[in-house]
Each structure stands twice: as C-alpha cells, then as structure tokens.
Amino acid sequence: MRYYGHGVCVKWLDMPTYCIGLPNGMVESSTRVCNYTGGTPTQRPNPRQAITSAREGGIRLLVLCRRMWRFMQRDNLHRVLGLIMLLMVLSSLGIAWLEPSISFGNALWWSIVTLATVGYGDISPATIGGRAIAVVVMMMGIGLLGMCSAAIATMLVVKRIKEDRGMSSFLFEHHLILCEWNQRARTILRELRADPHTAEAPIVLIADLENKPIDDENVFFIQGPVNDATLQRANLASAKTVIILGQDRLEVTARDAQVVLAALTVESINPQAYTIVELVDPAHAPFCERAHANEIIVGNELSSRLISRATLHHGMSKVVSDLLSASHGNELYTLAIPASLVGRAFIEVFLEIKQHYDSIVLAVQHGEDGAVLTNPPGTYQLAAGDALIIIAQERPHLK
C-alpha cells in the first residue's frame, strides 16, 4: 500500500496503491479509508514477513554450518579437532580420578591450559599418575595444535592461490562483471575506483589469463573464457552490470563475434543485468541490438568522431576528456527526477539547477534504459520516470 500525503509517499505493507487528494490527511482506496498524522502512517508488523525472514535466517545458518563441516572434512580438521576434544576429556577424567583435591571442572580447565601450552600454574597434579598424564597431554598437545595450525594456514594459502589463479566462485549481489582484460579494462577499473560510489565495489573479472592481472582486493578473478560456466561462477544471475570487451589478439570479425556471443549468453541468463558491449566494426552493432545489449560502444568510431570534432573545433578533446574522467574536473551524472520537478518545463529546471547546484542539464533520459533526448526544447515537460544527465563538479542531491 502506498500513502501520498503533503507530497510524501510512504510504503506500508504489501497492498494495492491508494489515491491522493482527500482533506485532513485522508487516504482512500476501493476497499478502505485510513487516517494518518503528518503524512506518515504508523508501521504495522507483518507476521508473514517476520516468519519468512526467520525461515531465511535459519536456512542461511544451516547452509553456513554445512559449509563449515565440508571444509573441516576436506582438510581433515574434524579428525584433529576430534582428537583434541578426546584428549581433553580423557585427561580431565584421569586427573579428577587420580588427584583427590582436583574436581572435574578444575581438571578440564587444567587440560585446556596445558594443551594450549599456556601453563598458568594455578592447578598442577601432585601424584605420579597425574604427572604422567600431564606429560602425555603436553607432548600430544603440541603436535595436535601444530597440525591444526598447519591445516588452517594451508587453507588460507590455498584460498589465496585459488583466488589469484581464478579458480574460485563468488556469490556477490548487485555487483559488476568485467569480461576480458586489456589496457582499456585497466583504464575502466581506474576510473571506477576514482568514483566514490564504486571505489570499493566488488568487481568480478573474467579473463583467460594465468593469474590475476591487477592488485586490487575488491577485484575477484575468474580464469577462463566468457561462457556459461564462468558466468555462473561470477553469479551473473545477481549481477547489476556486465561490461563485455573484445580480445585484442583476435582479428576484427572474430573479436566482435565473441562479444556478440557473450552478450547473448549474458542476456539469456540474466535479462535484468545492464549490458555494455565494446565493438570494433559498427556493422556488427545490429547483432548486439538483437542480443538486447543496453549500450553498444564502437571504440574506433568514437575516437574518429572525436578527432574530427577536434579538427574543426580546437580543444574539443580536452572538454570530452574532462567530462569522462572521474579523477579531475567536471563529470557526467545521471539523476532521477524528484517529484517536485515532474511536470515542469525543461528551461525552468535547467535554470533552477544551474542557480542552486551550479550544474548544467545536458539531456533527459526516458526511463532507466530509455532513449536520451540531448538539449531538449525549453518547453519540454519532465515526466515521472525521467532522468537528468547533468554536468557537475560533484554529484548533486536534487530535492
């Protein structure tokens, strides 16, 4: 259910949309009329959501426990831990039986302290049998703890090696996937890290390389060609954006064909992901359009156009470079239109944003993936769902 009051929209429960416009904070629907104060309704608990959340939490805990158990089985940690527990229990029972002054609780504490080679000295056996047990615990404890430490260290080293060699799988959500590696990919990563919103965002890199090509703790490498298997390991189903670059070592047709095939694979697995592809030959752009790629960038065509503009209008390349760089100067931002600007003329919004935010509105985009209208007429009325493409020093927060 949605409440609209005094220009405020508050989502409450999972019910149909309610209409606006009644006096005294009244909100009406075809089924009920509700009162609220100050445009914000009282939140009511939803038992179904609570049960669902609890069930999901239990499932996550169960999955985590299973993963831990499999990990211990794989590295034989369960046997080492079992031997440690058995040694602690048996030694505690023996000390409690042979030493009349030591209870089982104190004996268990002594076993833990002795096994960990801490040796506080607050409790110590006095009989020959008790001391014999102490010798066994000390000797076996050193070996068992060493085995446990070695297993954990091996696990960490193997994990690091697998990550560097691209042998791991990842379960990120709303992340970015970068397909293929070249100098342009390095520039893309540098620009993304220069933006505060993506400075530490997880990026999964898929490339047919032997080792991870860049030292970035938030870049996660998957070794292999871009196909169903590697995309599944990158958790494409939950990805937000996918960038597909071409392999420089291939000739033009084969390179673009590989990009088109990767785009088809991405769209078949996750049609909701925003797909950006790079081509060499503009003649291959229709194939990417049929693959439903959201943005198609022809690198040679863009650079050629920029050179021609710079030839006719000197300094043009400096302006474009300034706008496209996240590390200095002005930048381009896409901002959703707030409710206060819906229905207003473009020229009014243009002047208001320039006056209050010292920013320039360059274009209007219809919807998230819709057409872009550059330099729209002054009488153009902004609609709900539109977005403004703005030139600014910093990302403005429109109100």
Protein backbone atom coordinates (compact mmCIF):
# COMPACT_ATOMS: atom_id res chain seq x y z
CA MET A 1 0.00 0.00 0.00
CA ARG A 2 1.27 3.50 -0.82
CA TYR A 3 0.29 6.63 1.11
CA TYR A 4 0.55 10.02 -0.52
CA GLY A 5 0.17 12.99 1.76
CA HIS A 6 1.58 16.51 1.68
CA GLY A 7 3.86 15.46 -1.18
CA VAL A 8 5.15 12.44 0.77
CA CYS A 9 4.93 8.83 -0.41
CA VAL A 10 5.37 6.15 2.23
CA LYS A 11 5.23 2.44 1.51
CA TRP A 12 3.33 0.45 4.08
CA LEU A 13 2.59 -3.26 3.87
CA ASP A 14 2.11 -5.17 0.67
CA MET A 15 -1.21 -3.77 -0.56
CA PRO A 16 -2.56 -2.01 -3.66
CA THR A 17 -1.79 1.63 -4.43
CA TYR A 18 -4.10 4.17 -2.77
CA CYS A 19 -5.03 7.53 -4.26
CA ILE A 20 -4.37 11.11 -3.15
CA GLY A 21 -6.22 14.31 -2.60
CA LEU A 22 -8.55 13.91 0.39
CA PRO A 23 -8.64 16.55 3.13
CA ASN A 24 -7.41 16.14 6.69
CA GLY A 25 -4.81 13.54 5.78
CA MET A 26 -7.35 11.02 4.49
CA VAL A 27 -6.25 8.36 2.03
CA GLU A 28 -8.87 6.41 0.15
CA SER A 29 -8.96 3.19 -1.82
CA SER A 30 -11.64 1.00 -3.28
CA THR A 31 -11.60 -1.12 -0.13
CA ARG A 32 -10.85 1.07 2.87
CA VAL A 33 -10.30 4.58 4.24
CA CYS A 34 -7.47 5.19 6.71
CA ASN A 35 -6.41 8.13 8.87
CA TYR A 36 -2.81 9.10 9.46
CA THR A 37 -0.99 12.00 11.08
CA GLY A 38 1.53 14.23 9.38
CA GLY A 39 1.61 12.24 6.13
CA THR A 40 3.33 9.24 7.76
CA PRO A 41 1.26 6.20 8.78
CA THR A 42 2.02 4.01 11.75
CA GLN A 43 4.08 0.96 10.77
CA ARG A 44 2.30 -2.30 11.48
CA PRO A 45 4.13 -5.58 11.84
CA ASN A 46 3.61 -8.16 9.15
CA PRO A 47 3.64 -11.70 10.63
CA ARG A 48 4.20 -13.30 7.24
CA GLN A 49 7.30 -11.18 6.62
CA ALA A 50 8.63 -11.99 10.09
CA ILE A 51 8.13 -15.73 9.55
CA THR A 52 9.74 -15.52 6.12
CA SER A 53 12.73 -13.60 7.50
CA ALA A 54 13.19 -16.11 10.34
CA ARG A 55 12.97 -19.01 7.88
CA GLU A 56 15.55 -17.40 5.58
CA GLY A 57 17.85 -16.76 8.54
CA GLY A 58 17.59 -20.40 9.61
CA ILE A 59 18.35 -21.59 6.07
CA ARG A 60 21.42 -19.34 5.89
CA LEU A 61 22.67 -20.67 9.24
CA LEU A 62 22.14 -24.26 8.09
CA VAL A 63 24.00 -23.62 4.84
CA LEU A 64 26.87 -21.99 6.77
CA CYS A 65 27.11 -24.97 9.13
CA ARG A 66 27.18 -27.40 6.20
CA ARG A 67 29.92 -25.41 4.50
CA MET A 68 32.00 -25.38 7.70
CA TRP A 69 31.55 -29.13 8.10
CA ARG A 70 32.56 -29.78 4.49
CA PHE A 71 35.57 -27.54 4.92
CA MET A 72 36.67 -29.44 8.04
CA GLN A 73 36.16 -32.78 6.28
CA ARG A 74 38.11 -31.68 3.22
CA ASP A 75 41.15 -30.61 5.26
CA ASN A 76 40.79 -33.35 7.93
CA LEU A 77 40.24 -30.70 10.57
CA HIS A 78 37.33 -32.67 12.01
CA ARG A 79 39.70 -35.52 12.92
CA VAL A 80 42.23 -33.19 14.52
CA LEU A 81 39.53 -31.37 16.49
CA GLY A 82 38.04 -34.72 17.50
CA LEU A 83 41.39 -35.92 18.84
CA ILE A 84 41.85 -32.67 20.78
CA MET A 85 38.39 -33.00 22.37
CA LEU A 86 39.01 -36.68 23.19
CA LEU A 87 42.38 -35.88 24.78
CA MET A 88 40.84 -33.08 26.85
CA VAL A 89 38.01 -35.27 28.16
CA LEU A 90 40.17 -38.32 28.92
CA SER A 91 42.90 -36.30 30.61
CA SER A 92 40.32 -34.43 32.70
CA LEU A 93 38.72 -37.69 33.83
CA GLY A 94 42.14 -39.14 34.67
CA ILE A 95 43.26 -36.10 36.67
CA ALA A 96 39.94 -35.90 38.53
CA TRP A 97 40.27 -39.60 39.45
CA LEU A 98 43.96 -39.58 40.40
CA GLU A 99 44.02 -36.21 42.16
CA PRO A 100 41.50 -36.11 45.06
CA SER A 101 41.86 -32.35 45.52
CA ILE A 102 41.02 -31.50 41.90
CA SER A 103 37.40 -31.55 40.71
CA PHE A 104 36.41 -32.48 37.16
CA GLY A 105 35.73 -28.81 36.31
CA ASN A 106 39.18 -27.76 37.50
CA ALA A 107 40.69 -30.76 35.74
CA LEU A 108 39.04 -29.70 32.48
CA TRP A 109 40.43 -26.18 32.93
CA TRP A 110 43.88 -27.64 33.60
CA SER A 111 43.65 -29.78 30.46
CA ILE A 112 42.79 -26.77 28.29
CA VAL A 113 45.59 -24.66 29.78
CA THR A 114 48.15 -27.46 29.46
CA LEU A 115 47.04 -28.41 25.95
CA ALA A 116 47.37 -24.79 24.81
CA THR A 117 50.89 -24.69 26.35
CA VAL A 118 49.89 -21.67 28.46
CA GLY A 119 50.65 -23.19 31.86
CA TYR A 120 49.23 -20.75 34.42
CA GLY A 121 50.37 -22.99 37.30
CA ASP A 122 47.23 -22.39 39.37
CA ILE A 123 46.43 -26.11 39.19
CA SER A 124 49.04 -28.88 38.99
CA PRO A 125 48.97 -32.65 39.60
CA ALA A 126 50.90 -33.96 42.58
CA THR A 127 50.67 -37.74 42.08
CA ILE A 128 52.86 -39.78 39.76
CA GLY A 129 49.85 -40.83 37.68
CA GLY A 130 48.68 -37.26 37.34
CA ARG A 131 52.10 -36.09 36.23
CA ALA A 132 52.30 -38.91 33.71
CA ILE A 133 49.01 -37.73 32.23
CA ALA A 134 50.41 -34.18 32.17
CA VAL A 135 53.42 -35.33 30.15
CA VAL A 136 51.15 -37.09 27.62
CA VAL A 137 48.91 -34.04 27.33
CA MET A 138 51.86 -31.68 26.84
CA MET A 139 53.53 -33.86 24.19
CA MET A 140 50.35 -34.66 22.27
CA GLY A 141 49.01 -31.13 22.67
CA ILE A 142 51.97 -29.60 20.88
CA GLY A 143 51.55 -31.98 17.96
CA LEU A 144 47.77 -31.65 17.68
CA LEU A 145 47.80 -27.86 17.90
CA GLY A 146 50.60 -27.78 15.35
CA MET A 147 48.53 -29.94 13.00
CA CYS A 148 45.50 -27.68 13.49
CA SER A 149 47.54 -24.52 12.86
CA ALA A 150 49.14 -26.08 9.77
CA ALA A 151 45.74 -27.07 8.37
CA ILE A 152 44.36 -23.56 8.84
CA ALA A 153 47.47 -21.97 7.34
CA THR A 154 47.29 -24.35 4.37
CA MET A 155 43.65 -23.48 3.88
CA LEU A 156 44.44 -19.75 3.79
CA VAL A 157 47.35 -20.22 1.39
CA VAL A 158 45.32 -22.46 -0.93
CA LYS A 159 42.45 -19.99 -0.86
CA ARG A 160 44.79 -17.17 -1.81
CA ILE A 161 46.35 -19.22 -4.62
CA LYS A 162 42.92 -20.20 -5.95
CA GLU A 163 41.80 -16.58 -5.96
CA ASP A 164 44.96 -15.39 -7.74
CA ARG A 165 44.63 -18.15 -10.33
CA GLY A 166 40.92 -17.57 -10.85
CA MET A 167 39.73 -20.93 -9.54
CA SER A 168 37.15 -19.63 -7.06
CA SER A 169 33.43 -18.91 -7.33
CA PHE A 170 31.69 -15.88 -5.87
CA LEU A 171 28.21 -15.10 -4.54
CA PHE A 172 28.08 -11.30 -4.73
CA GLU A 173 24.82 -9.48 -5.45
CA HIS A 174 24.24 -6.28 -7.45
CA HIS A 175 27.89 -6.39 -8.48
CA LEU A 176 29.74 -5.59 -11.69
CA ILE A 177 31.22 -8.21 -14.02
CA LEU A 178 34.06 -7.23 -16.35
CA CYS A 179 34.66 -9.64 -19.23
CA GLU A 180 38.16 -9.80 -20.77
CA TRP A 181 41.32 -7.94 -19.81
CA ASN A 182 43.32 -5.37 -21.79
CA GLN A 183 44.59 -1.84 -21.41
CA ARG A 184 41.06 -0.47 -21.75
CA ALA A 185 39.93 -2.72 -18.90
CA ARG A 186 42.71 -1.29 -16.74
CA THR A 187 41.51 2.25 -17.55
CA ILE A 188 37.90 1.29 -16.78
CA LEU A 189 38.92 -0.03 -13.36
CA ARG A 190 40.97 3.09 -12.63
CA GLU A 191 38.01 5.34 -13.45
CA LEU A 192 35.58 3.23 -11.43
CA ARG A 193 37.87 3.34 -8.41
CA ALA A 194 38.14 7.12 -8.74
CA ASP A 195 34.36 7.44 -8.27
CA PRO A 196 33.27 7.37 -4.58
CA HIS A 197 30.24 5.19 -5.39
CA THR A 198 32.36 2.40 -6.89
CA ALA A 199 35.65 2.94 -5.05
CA GLU A 200 35.24 -0.28 -3.07
CA ALA A 201 32.52 -2.03 -5.07
CA PRO A 202 33.13 -5.75 -5.78
CA ILE A 203 34.10 -6.34 -9.42
CA VAL A 204 34.39 -9.84 -10.85
CA LEU A 205 36.89 -10.12 -13.70
CA ILE A 206 36.56 -12.98 -16.20
CA ALA A 207 39.60 -13.40 -18.44
CA ASP A 208 41.60 -16.23 -19.98
CA LEU A 209 44.78 -15.37 -18.09
CA GLU A 210 47.08 -17.43 -15.90
CA ASN A 211 46.98 -15.15 -12.84
CA LYS A 212 45.06 -12.16 -11.54
CA PRO A 213 46.38 -9.20 -13.55
CA ILE A 214 45.83 -6.39 -11.04
CA ASP A 215 46.46 -5.84 -7.34
CA ASP A 216 43.02 -4.78 -6.11
CA GLU A 217 41.47 -6.52 -3.11
CA ASN A 218 37.96 -5.82 -4.40
CA VAL A 219 38.60 -7.29 -7.85
CA PHE A 220 37.84 -11.03 -7.90
CA PHE A 221 39.36 -13.02 -10.73
CA ILE A 222 37.85 -15.98 -12.60
CA GLN A 223 40.16 -17.72 -15.05
CA GLY A 224 38.72 -18.89 -18.37
CA PRO A 225 36.80 -17.72 -21.44
CA VAL A 226 33.48 -15.93 -21.12
CA ASN A 227 30.92 -18.72 -21.21
CA ASP A 228 28.07 -20.21 -19.18
CA ALA A 229 30.40 -21.87 -16.66
CA THR A 230 32.50 -18.80 -15.83
CA LEU A 231 29.46 -16.51 -15.78
CA GLN A 232 27.71 -18.84 -13.35
CA ARG A 233 30.82 -18.80 -11.12
CA ALA A 234 30.62 -14.99 -11.20
CA ASN A 235 26.97 -15.23 -10.04
CA LEU A 236 25.67 -13.47 -13.15
CA ALA A 237 22.09 -14.12 -12.06
CA SER A 238 22.50 -11.49 -9.31
CA ALA A 239 24.77 -9.07 -11.17
CA LYS A 240 23.74 -5.48 -11.81
CA THR A 241 26.06 -4.52 -14.69
CA VAL A 242 28.12 -6.51 -17.19
CA ILE A 243 30.88 -4.98 -19.34
CA ILE A 244 31.98 -7.08 -22.32
CA LEU A 245 35.25 -6.13 -24.02
CA GLY A 246 36.86 -7.67 -27.08
CA GLN A 247 40.07 -9.70 -27.15
CA ASP A 248 42.79 -7.64 -28.81
CA ARG A 249 44.67 -10.68 -30.10
CA LEU A 250 41.77 -11.69 -32.38
CA GLU A 251 41.03 -10.22 -35.78
CA VAL A 252 38.11 -7.80 -36.04
CA THR A 253 35.33 -10.16 -37.14
CA ALA A 254 36.22 -12.92 -34.67
CA ARG A 255 36.63 -10.39 -31.88
CA ASP A 256 33.20 -8.82 -32.42
CA ALA A 257 31.61 -12.24 -32.90
CA GLN A 258 32.91 -13.28 -29.50
CA VAL A 259 31.45 -10.12 -27.95
CA VAL A 260 28.04 -10.79 -29.56
CA LEU A 261 28.09 -14.40 -28.32
CA ALA A 262 28.96 -13.25 -24.79
CA ALA A 263 26.14 -10.70 -24.89
CA LEU A 264 23.66 -13.39 -25.93
CA THR A 265 24.85 -15.61 -23.08
CA VAL A 266 24.54 -12.80 -20.54
CA GLU A 267 21.05 -11.82 -21.66
CA SER A 268 19.87 -15.44 -21.63
CA ILE A 269 20.99 -15.91 -18.02
CA ASN A 270 20.08 -12.51 -16.58
CA PRO A 271 18.00 -10.22 -18.83
CA GLN A 272 17.79 -7.68 -15.98
CA ALA A 273 21.54 -7.02 -15.99
CA TYR A 274 22.61 -3.79 -17.70
CA THR A 275 24.92 -4.94 -20.50
CA ILE A 276 27.58 -2.69 -22.07
CA VAL A 277 29.48 -4.11 -25.06
CA GLU A 278 32.52 -2.90 -26.98
CA LEU A 279 32.76 -3.42 -30.76
CA VAL A 280 35.33 -2.60 -33.40
CA ASP A 281 33.17 -2.67 -36.55
CA PRO A 282 29.90 -0.65 -36.44
CA ALA A 283 28.42 -3.11 -38.95
CA HIS A 284 28.16 -5.64 -36.10
CA ALA A 285 26.10 -3.34 -33.87
CA PRO A 286 22.72 -4.72 -35.10
CA PHE A 287 23.70 -8.17 -33.82
CA CYS A 288 24.26 -6.75 -30.34
CA GLU A 289 20.93 -4.95 -30.59
CA ARG A 290 19.23 -8.27 -31.32
CA ALA A 291 21.04 -9.66 -28.29
CA HIS A 292 19.35 -6.85 -26.27
CA ALA A 293 22.60 -5.19 -25.19
CA ASN A 294 21.74 -1.97 -23.34
CA GLU A 295 24.67 0.07 -24.64
CA ILE A 296 26.88 -0.55 -27.67
CA ILE A 297 30.17 1.33 -27.86
CA VAL A 298 32.18 1.27 -31.08
CA GLY A 299 35.64 2.38 -29.97
CA ASN A 300 37.14 3.24 -33.34
CA GLU A 301 34.04 5.17 -34.35
CA LEU A 302 34.04 7.25 -31.16
CA SER A 303 37.73 8.13 -31.41
CA SER A 304 37.38 9.01 -35.10
CA ARG A 305 34.45 11.32 -34.41
CA LEU A 306 36.31 12.98 -31.57
CA ILE A 307 39.34 13.59 -33.79
CA SER A 308 37.16 15.11 -36.50
CA ARG A 309 35.44 17.41 -33.97
CA ALA A 310 38.82 18.44 -32.55
CA THR A 311 39.98 19.24 -36.08
CA LEU A 312 37.01 21.52 -36.70
CA HIS A 313 36.75 22.92 -33.16
CA HIS A 314 40.07 23.04 -31.36
CA GLY A 315 40.07 21.99 -27.71
CA MET A 316 37.06 19.68 -28.07
CA SER A 317 39.02 16.61 -26.99
CA LYS A 318 40.03 18.35 -23.75
CA VAL A 319 36.39 19.05 -22.90
CA VAL A 320 35.33 15.45 -23.59
CA SER A 321 38.28 14.07 -21.64
CA ASP A 322 37.42 16.30 -18.67
CA LEU A 323 33.81 15.09 -18.67
CA LEU A 324 34.70 11.41 -18.96
CA SER A 325 37.39 11.39 -16.27
CA ALA A 326 36.36 10.69 -12.68
CA SER A 327 39.69 11.82 -11.23
CA HIS A 328 39.55 15.54 -12.09
CA GLY A 329 37.31 18.31 -13.40
CA ASN A 330 33.58 18.07 -14.08
CA GLU A 331 31.78 14.77 -14.51
CA LEU A 332 28.61 13.40 -16.04
CA TYR A 333 25.88 12.15 -13.69
CA THR A 334 22.50 10.54 -14.29
CA LEU A 335 19.99 11.57 -11.61
CA ALA A 336 16.39 10.54 -11.13
CA ILE A 337 13.93 13.42 -11.26
CA PRO A 338 12.41 14.18 -7.85
CA ALA A 339 8.66 14.55 -7.56
CA SER A 340 9.00 18.34 -7.19
CA LEU A 341 10.29 18.63 -10.78
CA VAL A 342 7.75 16.38 -12.50
CA GLY A 343 5.53 18.30 -14.93
CA ARG A 344 7.75 21.39 -15.06
CA ALA A 345 9.25 22.84 -18.23
CA PHE A 346 12.83 21.91 -19.06
CA ILE A 347 14.01 25.55 -19.18
CA GLU A 348 12.71 26.15 -15.62
CA VAL A 349 14.50 23.06 -14.31
CA PHE A 350 17.65 23.98 -16.26
CA LEU A 351 17.82 27.45 -14.67
CA GLU A 352 16.94 26.21 -11.19
CA ILE A 353 19.62 23.52 -11.20
CA LYS A 354 22.23 25.92 -12.52
CA GLN A 355 21.30 28.52 -9.90
CA HIS A 356 21.06 26.21 -6.87
CA TYR A 357 23.51 23.42 -7.72
CA ASP A 358 25.89 25.15 -10.17
CA SER A 359 25.29 22.28 -12.60
CA ILE A 360 24.24 22.05 -16.24
CA VAL A 361 21.46 19.77 -17.50
CA LEU A 362 22.74 18.24 -20.71
CA ALA A 363 19.99 15.75 -21.62
CA VAL A 364 16.90 13.89 -20.44
CA GLN A 365 16.64 10.11 -20.41
CA HIS A 366 13.21 8.45 -20.63
CA GLY A 367 13.28 5.70 -18.02
CA GLU A 368 16.33 3.79 -16.85
CA ASP A 369 17.07 2.21 -20.23
CA GLY A 370 15.09 4.57 -22.45
CA ALA A 371 16.02 6.97 -25.23
CA VAL A 372 18.15 10.02 -24.47
CA LEU A 373 17.00 13.47 -25.60
CA THR A 374 20.03 15.77 -25.77
CA ASN A 375 19.40 19.51 -25.33
CA PRO A 376 15.59 19.18 -25.26
CA PRO A 377 13.35 22.14 -26.14
CA GLY A 378 12.76 24.65 -23.37
CA THR A 379 9.04 23.80 -23.32
CA TYR A 380 9.63 20.09 -22.85
CA GLN A 381 7.78 18.88 -19.74
CA LEU A 382 9.57 16.45 -17.47
CA ALA A 383 7.63 13.26 -16.74
CA ALA A 384 7.72 10.77 -13.90
CA GLY A 385 10.41 8.19 -14.54
CA ASP A 386 12.65 10.58 -16.48
CA ALA A 387 16.27 11.09 -15.50
CA LEU A 388 18.51 14.11 -15.95
CA ILE A 389 22.03 13.82 -17.37
CA ILE A 390 23.98 16.56 -15.61
CA ILE A 391 27.45 18.10 -15.82
CA ALA A 392 28.71 18.92 -12.31
CA GLN A 393 31.82 19.03 -10.14
CA GLU A 394 30.19 16.71 -7.60
CA ARG A 395 27.04 14.61 -7.64
CA PRO A 396 24.17 16.98 -6.70
CA HIS A 397 21.30 15.83 -4.49
CA LEU A 398 18.17 17.16 -6.11
CA LYS A 399 15.20 17.96 -3.89
